Amino acid sequence: QVQLVESGGGLRQAGDSLRLSCAASGPTFSNDDMGWFRQAPGKGRELVAVSGSNGNTYYADFVKGRFTISRNNAENTVYLQMNSLKPEDTAVYYCAAASPNSGRYDAWGQGAQVTVSS
């Protein structure tokens, strides 16, 4: 079972930058699609960005041009660089892993709080 640990959350002002990290355990990281999700208070969880095992990336429209997802397979780590932060980016951010066997996100981190003040 893959274990994921996020780090790097915190409090920022609008316009600032922040980088989240997600360290994964287990030997299958390079074969897994890695996603970042977020959940704001009173809202459902939403997909933010994906780093595919094939090198492709996906971004939700609300973060395109501001956030960048990247991964280091040698270090079993995926990152989310967040620039030009907005108050509406305030949420708990989760990383998740989707194995090729299941095809769905079945391993989740504990979450990292990101708060953006105006």
Protein backbone atom coordinates (compact mmCIF):
# COMPACT_ATOMS: atom_id res chain seq x y z
CA GLN A 1 0.00 0.00 0.00
CA VAL A 2 1.41 3.38 -1.02
CA GLN A 3 1.71 5.93 1.75
CA LEU A 4 1.68 9.64 0.96
CA VAL A 5 2.81 12.53 3.15
CA GLU A 6 2.20 16.14 2.14
CA SER A 7 4.22 19.10 3.37
CA GLY A 8 4.63 22.77 2.61
CA GLY A 9 1.22 24.18 3.47
CA GLY A 10 0.84 27.50 5.22
CA LEU A 11 -0.55 31.01 5.29
CA ARG A 12 0.12 33.39 2.43
CA GLN A 13 -1.20 36.67 1.12
CA ALA A 14 -2.90 37.04 -2.23
CA GLY A 15 -0.33 37.11 -5.02
CA ASP A 16 2.23 35.06 -3.09
CA SER A 17 3.64 31.66 -4.03
CA LEU A 18 3.80 28.36 -2.19
CA ARG A 19 5.11 24.90 -3.05
CA LEU A 20 3.55 21.72 -1.77
CA SER A 21 5.44 18.45 -1.67
CA CYS A 22 4.14 14.90 -1.46
CA ALA A 23 6.52 12.11 -0.56
CA ALA A 24 5.44 8.60 -1.50
CA SER A 25 6.57 5.27 -0.14
CA GLY A 26 6.58 2.06 -2.13
CA PRO A 27 8.26 0.85 -5.31
CA THR A 28 5.54 1.74 -7.81
CA PHE A 29 5.68 5.54 -7.78
CA SER A 30 6.98 5.89 -11.32
CA ASN A 31 4.07 3.79 -12.60
CA ASP A 32 1.40 5.76 -10.77
CA ASP A 33 -0.53 8.79 -11.91
CA MET A 34 -0.23 11.40 -9.18
CA GLY A 35 -2.92 13.95 -8.53
CA TRP A 36 -3.41 17.00 -6.35
CA PHE A 37 -6.92 17.63 -5.06
CA ARG A 38 -8.32 20.27 -2.76
CA GLN A 39 -11.30 20.73 -0.52
CA ALA A 40 -12.45 24.13 0.66
CA PRO A 41 -14.67 24.55 3.72
CA GLY A 42 -18.23 23.52 2.93
CA LYS A 43 -17.33 22.30 -0.56
CA GLY A 44 -16.59 19.00 -2.18
CA ARG A 45 -13.18 17.72 -3.13
CA GLU A 46 -12.00 18.88 -6.55
CA LEU A 47 -9.18 17.85 -8.83
CA VAL A 48 -6.47 20.46 -9.22
CA ALA A 49 -3.72 18.86 -11.31
CA VAL A 50 -2.40 15.50 -12.47
CA SER A 51 1.05 14.24 -13.30
CA GLY A 52 0.69 11.13 -15.40
CA SER A 53 3.15 8.26 -15.31
CA ASN A 54 3.56 8.85 -19.05
CA GLY A 55 4.71 12.42 -18.49
CA ASN A 56 1.44 14.11 -19.38
CA THR A 57 -0.04 16.76 -17.15
CA TYR A 58 -3.55 18.06 -16.58
CA TYR A 59 -4.74 21.24 -14.89
CA ALA A 60 -8.15 22.37 -13.81
CA ASP A 61 -9.17 25.58 -15.54
CA PHE A 62 -9.14 27.54 -12.29
CA VAL A 63 -5.38 26.96 -11.81
CA LYS A 64 -4.11 26.98 -15.40
CA GLY A 65 -1.23 29.40 -15.81
CA ARG A 66 -0.76 29.72 -12.03
CA PHE A 67 -0.01 26.22 -10.71
CA THR A 68 2.57 23.72 -11.94
CA ILE A 69 2.71 20.04 -11.08
CA SER A 70 5.98 18.17 -11.32
CA ARG A 71 7.46 14.93 -10.09
CA ASN A 72 10.82 13.44 -9.28
CA ASN A 73 10.62 9.69 -9.73
CA ALA A 74 14.09 9.15 -8.30
CA GLU A 75 12.93 10.73 -5.04
CA ASN A 76 9.32 9.44 -5.12
CA THR A 77 8.05 12.98 -4.76
CA VAL A 78 5.43 15.07 -6.52
CA TYR A 79 5.22 18.84 -6.20
CA LEU A 80 2.62 21.51 -6.70
CA GLN A 81 4.06 24.97 -7.30
CA MET A 82 1.35 27.53 -6.68
CA ASN A 83 1.89 31.08 -7.91
CA SER A 84 -0.35 34.14 -7.91
CA LEU A 85 -2.38 32.70 -5.07
CA LYS A 86 -5.93 33.90 -4.56
CA PRO A 87 -8.13 33.80 -1.45
CA GLU A 88 -10.33 31.26 -3.26
CA ASP A 89 -7.34 28.88 -3.34
CA THR A 90 -7.79 28.46 0.41
CA ALA A 91 -8.37 24.76 1.03
CA VAL A 92 -6.90 21.55 2.33
CA TYR A 93 -4.74 20.10 -0.44
CA TYR A 94 -4.38 16.36 -0.83
CA CYS A 95 -2.09 14.33 -3.01
CA ALA A 96 -3.29 10.99 -4.31
CA ALA A 97 -1.89 8.07 -6.25
CA ALA A 98 -3.66 6.04 -8.91
CA SER A 99 -2.08 2.70 -9.67
CA PRO A 100 -2.32 1.26 -13.19
CA ASN A 101 -3.93 -1.85 -11.67
CA SER A 102 -6.92 -0.04 -10.21
CA GLY A 103 -7.09 2.97 -12.50
CA ARG A 104 -8.45 5.10 -9.69
CA TYR A 105 -7.01 7.20 -6.88
CA ASP A 106 -6.81 4.74 -4.02
CA ALA A 107 -4.00 6.15 -1.88
CA TRP A 108 -4.35 9.54 -0.22
CA GLY A 109 -2.22 11.77 1.94
CA GLN A 110 -3.39 13.40 5.14
CA GLY A 111 -3.77 16.84 3.58
CA ALA A 112 -1.99 20.18 3.87
CA GLN A 113 -3.80 23.39 4.78
CA VAL A 114 -3.27 26.34 2.46
CA THR A 115 -4.75 29.64 3.55
CA VAL A 116 -4.59 32.74 1.38
CA SER A 117 -5.55 36.08 2.85
CA SER A 118 -6.69 39.05 0.81
